């Protein structure tokens, strides 16, 4: 009887591509972008 390798072969072949996409670098969150914009605006207005 063969032993199954659980992590190596997902049941859904499309899940492998999805897992690779999810493992890549992520961009900044919406909240982080909003905070960054607020900081820029405060700097421009001179409200440090």
Protein backbone atom coordinates (compact mmCIF):
# COMPACT_ATOMS: atom_id res chain seq x y z
CA UNK A 1 0.00 0.00 0.00
CA UNK A 2 1.33 3.43 -0.95
CA UNK A 3 1.52 6.20 1.62
CA UNK A 4 -0.02 9.52 0.69
CA UNK A 5 1.98 12.69 1.03
CA UNK A 6 -0.59 15.10 2.38
CA UNK A 7 1.13 18.47 1.81
CA UNK A 8 2.76 17.67 -1.53
CA UNK A 9 -0.32 16.92 -3.62
CA UNK A 10 -3.49 18.87 -2.93
CA UNK A 11 -6.76 17.22 -3.87
CA UNK A 12 -7.69 20.19 -6.00
CA UNK A 13 -5.00 20.91 -8.65
CA UNK A 14 -6.19 24.52 -8.94
CA UNK A 15 -5.52 24.99 -5.23
CA UNK A 16 -1.79 24.66 -5.91
CA UNK A 17 -1.79 27.78 -8.11
CA UNK A 18 -3.94 29.64 -5.60
CA UNK A 19 -1.58 28.71 -2.79
CA UNK A 20 1.41 30.01 -4.77
CA UNK A 21 -0.37 33.32 -5.45
CA UNK A 22 -1.28 33.74 -1.79
CA UNK A 23 2.28 33.03 -0.67
CA UNK A 24 3.76 35.96 -2.58
CA UNK A 25 4.41 39.43 -1.26
CA UNK A 26 1.31 41.41 -0.39
CA UNK A 27 0.85 45.12 -0.86
CA UNK A 28 0.06 47.52 1.95
CA UNK A 29 -3.42 47.35 3.43
CA UNK A 30 -6.05 50.00 2.79
CA UNK A 31 -5.64 51.22 6.35
CA UNK A 32 -1.87 51.58 5.94
CA UNK A 33 -2.34 53.52 2.70
CA UNK A 34 -4.89 55.82 4.34
CA UNK A 35 -2.55 56.51 7.28
CA UNK A 36 0.30 57.22 4.88
CA UNK A 37 -1.82 59.74 2.98
CA UNK A 38 -2.85 61.42 6.24
CA UNK A 39 0.80 61.76 7.26
CA UNK A 40 1.67 63.29 3.87
CA UNK A 41 -1.18 65.77 4.15
CA UNK A 42 -0.15 66.81 7.68
CA UNK A 43 3.41 67.34 6.46
CA UNK A 44 2.23 69.49 3.56
CA UNK A 45 0.06 71.57 5.87
CA UNK A 46 2.86 71.91 8.42
CA UNK A 47 0.99 70.16 11.24
CA UNK A 48 3.76 67.85 12.47
